[in-house]
Amino acid sequence: MPYVYLLVAIFAEVVATSLLKASDGMSRTWPTVGSLAGYGVAFYFLSITLKTIPTGIAYALWSGIGIVAISLVSWVFFKQALDAAALIGMGLIVVGVAVIQLGSKVAGH
């Protein structure tokens, strides 16, 4: 169950970051409120996750998956370009997350 909580935290953080972009520098009320609420949900679920998953592992997964997810959301919804270097870098992040999950003895397996 801790990994489900972590995925909820990551999803909430990606939504919150997307709304932060849509808030236009926090000048639009509802995207700003949604962003702040999303970050609250994200940190709540991350805190639950940290009860059982080591902090370094949880944060590596949080940041790695989050970077790729928000980059894809930005590409699809905000039409932000991803060049070859960005795609290669994200590919390396995905490989790093896979190595942590498949090879780490402290990842909670």
C-alpha atoms as a PDB file:
ATOM      1  CA  MET A   1       0.000   0.000   0.000  1.00  0.00           C
ATOM      2  CA  PRO A   2       2.830   2.508   0.570  1.00  0.00           C
ATOM      3  CA  TYR A   3       3.586   2.557  -3.156  1.00  0.00           C
ATOM      4  CA  VAL A   4      -0.053   3.365  -3.893  1.00  0.00           C
ATOM      5  CA  TYR A   5       0.238   6.316  -1.497  1.00  0.00           C
ATOM      6  CA  LEU A   6       3.411   7.385  -3.256  1.00  0.00           C
ATOM      7  CA  LEU A   7       1.686   7.248  -6.642  1.00  0.00           C
ATOM      8  CA  VAL A   8      -1.191   9.342  -5.262  1.00  0.00           C
ATOM      9  CA  ALA A   9       1.375  11.852  -3.957  1.00  0.00           C
ATOM     10  CA  ILE A  10       3.123  11.990  -7.330  1.00  0.00           C
ATOM     11  CA  PHE A  11      -0.161  12.390  -9.211  1.00  0.00           C
ATOM     12  CA  ALA A  12      -1.278  15.199  -6.876  1.00  0.00           C
ATOM     13  CA  GLU A  13       2.078  16.943  -7.271  1.00  0.00           C
ATOM     14  CA  VAL A  14       1.888  16.756 -11.076  1.00  0.00           C
ATOM     15  CA  VAL A  15      -1.653  18.161 -11.034  1.00  0.00           C
ATOM     16  CA  ALA A  16      -0.583  20.899  -8.596  1.00  0.00           C
ATOM     17  CA  THR A  17       2.405  21.868 -10.733  1.00  0.00           C
ATOM     18  CA  SER A  18       0.233  21.962 -13.855  1.00  0.00           C
ATOM     19  CA  LEU A  19      -2.242  24.216 -12.067  1.00  0.00           C
ATOM     20  CA  LEU A  20       0.624  26.398 -10.865  1.00  0.00           C
ATOM     21  CA  LYS A  21       1.547  26.974 -14.503  1.00  0.00           C
ATOM     22  CA  ALA A  22      -2.105  27.718 -15.287  1.00  0.00           C
ATOM     23  CA  SER A  23      -2.318  30.157 -12.346  1.00  0.00           C
ATOM     24  CA  ASP A  24      -0.211  32.655 -14.327  1.00  0.00           C
ATOM     25  CA  GLY A  25       2.051  33.611 -11.439  1.00  0.00           C
ATOM     26  CA  MET A  26      -0.709  33.003  -8.890  1.00  0.00           C
ATOM     27  CA  SER A  27      -2.788  35.783 -10.463  1.00  0.00           C
ATOM     28  CA  ARG A  28      -5.723  33.477 -11.299  1.00  0.00           C
ATOM     29  CA  THR A  29      -7.680  32.443  -8.211  1.00  0.00           C
ATOM     30  CA  TRP A  30      -8.967  28.943  -8.966  1.00  0.00           C
ATOM     31  CA  PRO A  31      -5.816  27.474 -10.487  1.00  0.00           C
ATOM     32  CA  THR A  32      -3.901  28.924  -7.511  1.00  0.00           C
ATOM     33  CA  VAL A  33      -6.320  27.390  -4.992  1.00  0.00           C
ATOM     34  CA  GLY A  34      -6.197  24.066  -6.847  1.00  0.00           C
ATOM     35  CA  SER A  35      -2.425  24.134  -6.924  1.00  0.00           C
ATOM     36  CA  LEU A  36      -2.124  24.781  -3.192  1.00  0.00           C
ATOM     37  CA  ALA A  37      -4.666  22.040  -2.443  1.00  0.00           C
ATOM     38  CA  GLY A  38      -2.827  19.633  -4.740  1.00  0.00           C
ATOM     39  CA  TYR A  39       0.476  20.280  -2.985  1.00  0.00           C
ATOM     40  CA  GLY A  40      -1.252  19.718   0.359  1.00  0.00           C
ATOM     41  CA  VAL A  41      -2.568  16.348  -0.815  1.00  0.00           C
ATOM     42  CA  ALA A  42       0.813  15.463  -2.305  1.00  0.00           C
ATOM     43  CA  PHE A  43       2.744  16.174   0.887  1.00  0.00           C
ATOM     44  CA  TYR A  44       0.160  14.414   3.051  1.00  0.00           C
ATOM     45  CA  PHE A  45       0.441  11.215   1.017  1.00  0.00           C
ATOM     46  CA  LEU A  46       4.214  11.537   0.824  1.00  0.00           C
ATOM     47  CA  SER A  47       4.317  11.762   4.621  1.00  0.00           C
ATOM     48  CA  ILE A  48       2.309   8.542   4.896  1.00  0.00           C
ATOM     49  CA  THR A  49       4.651   6.894   2.402  1.00  0.00           C
ATOM     50  CA  LEU A  50       7.689   7.839   4.478  1.00  0.00           C
ATOM     51  CA  LYS A  51       6.414   5.743   7.383  1.00  0.00           C
ATOM     52  CA  THR A  52       7.454   2.584   5.522  1.00  0.00           C
ATOM     53  CA  ILE A  53       9.576   3.455   2.480  1.00  0.00           C
ATOM     54  CA  PRO A  54      13.046   4.873   3.166  1.00  0.00           C
ATOM     55  CA  THR A  55      13.220   8.619   2.490  1.00  0.00           C
ATOM     56  CA  GLY A  56      15.937   8.386  -0.174  1.00  0.00           C
ATOM     57  CA  ILE A  57      14.065   5.720  -2.123  1.00  0.00           C
ATOM     58  CA  ALA A  58      10.716   7.519  -1.869  1.00  0.00           C
ATOM     59  CA  TYR A  59      12.237  10.819  -2.924  1.00  0.00           C
ATOM     60  CA  ALA A  60      14.106   9.271  -5.836  1.00  0.00           C
ATOM     61  CA  LEU A  61      10.878   7.732  -7.114  1.00  0.00           C
ATOM     62  CA  TRP A  62       8.869  10.905  -6.384  1.00  0.00           C
ATOM     63  CA  SER A  63      11.259  13.149  -8.263  1.00  0.00           C
ATOM     64  CA  GLY A  64      12.051  10.766 -11.121  1.00  0.00           C
ATOM     65  CA  ILE A  65       8.485   9.833 -11.940  1.00  0.00           C
ATOM     66  CA  GLY A  66       7.332  13.400 -11.280  1.00  0.00           C
ATOM     67  CA  ILE A  67       9.874  14.920 -13.678  1.00  0.00           C
ATOM     68  CA  VAL A  68       8.853  12.624 -16.496  1.00  0.00           C
ATOM     69  CA  ALA A  69       5.127  13.024 -15.801  1.00  0.00           C
ATOM     70  CA  ILE A  70       5.166  16.832 -15.597  1.00  0.00           C
ATOM     71  CA  SER A  71       7.309  17.012 -18.730  1.00  0.00           C
ATOM     72  CA  LEU A  72       4.756  14.927 -20.612  1.00  0.00           C
ATOM     73  CA  VAL A  73       1.851  16.983 -19.242  1.00  0.00           C
ATOM     74  CA  SER A  74       3.643  20.189 -20.264  1.00  0.00           C
ATOM     75  CA  TRP A  75       4.264  18.800 -23.741  1.00  0.00           C
ATOM     76  CA  VAL A  76       0.638  17.694 -24.239  1.00  0.00           C
ATOM     77  CA  PHE A  77      -1.289  20.514 -22.547  1.00  0.00           C
ATOM     78  CA  PHE A  78       1.050  23.520 -22.687  1.00  0.00           C
ATOM     79  CA  LYS A  79       2.705  22.661 -26.033  1.00  0.00           C
ATOM     80  CA  GLN A  80       6.185  22.929 -24.512  1.00  0.00           C
ATOM     81  CA  ALA A  81       8.858  21.381 -26.710  1.00  0.00           C
ATOM     82  CA  LEU A  82      11.057  18.500 -25.606  1.00  0.00           C
ATOM     83  CA  ASP A  83      14.348  18.339 -27.468  1.00  0.00           C
ATOM     84  CA  ALA A  84      16.617  15.324 -27.851  1.00  0.00           C
ATOM     85  CA  ALA A  85      18.656  16.165 -24.749  1.00  0.00           C
ATOM     86  CA  ALA A  86      15.488  16.420 -22.637  1.00  0.00           C
ATOM     87  CA  LEU A  87      14.191  13.094 -23.944  1.00  0.00           C
ATOM     88  CA  ILE A  88      17.533  11.368 -23.364  1.00  0.00           C
ATOM     89  CA  GLY A  89      17.719  12.809 -19.859  1.00  0.00           C
ATOM     90  CA  MET A  90      14.215  11.619 -19.044  1.00  0.00           C
ATOM     91  CA  GLY A  91      15.074   8.213 -20.431  1.00  0.00           C
ATOM     92  CA  LEU A  92      18.021   8.056 -18.059  1.00  0.00           C
ATOM     93  CA  ILE A  93      15.732   9.040 -15.183  1.00  0.00           C
ATOM     94  CA  VAL A  94      13.349   6.204 -16.086  1.00  0.00           C
ATOM     95  CA  VAL A  95      16.287   3.774 -16.166  1.00  0.00           C
ATOM     96  CA  GLY A  96      17.427   5.081 -12.777  1.00  0.00           C
ATOM     97  CA  VAL A  97      13.978   4.579 -11.247  1.00  0.00           C
ATOM     98  CA  ALA A  98      13.862   1.049 -12.685  1.00  0.00           C
ATOM     99  CA  VAL A  99      17.293   0.251 -11.228  1.00  0.00           C
ATOM    100  CA  ILE A 100      16.147   1.462  -7.811  1.00  0.00           C
ATOM    101  CA  GLN A 101      12.962  -0.586  -7.978  1.00  0.00           C
ATOM    102  CA  LEU A 102      14.466  -3.749  -9.379  1.00  0.00           C
ATOM    103  CA  GLY A 103      17.871  -3.754  -7.743  1.00  0.00           C
ATOM    104  CA  SER A 104      17.718  -1.982  -4.415  1.00  0.00           C
ATOM    105  CA  LYS A 105      17.491  -4.137  -1.333  1.00  0.00           C
ATOM    106  CA  VAL A 106      16.187  -1.174   0.693  1.00  0.00           C
ATOM    107  CA  ALA A 107      13.363  -0.265  -1.703  1.00  0.00           C
ATOM    108  CA  GLY A 108      10.858  -2.147   0.406  1.00  0.00           C
ATOM    109  CA  HIS A 109      10.834  -5.516  -1.354  1.00  0.00           C
END
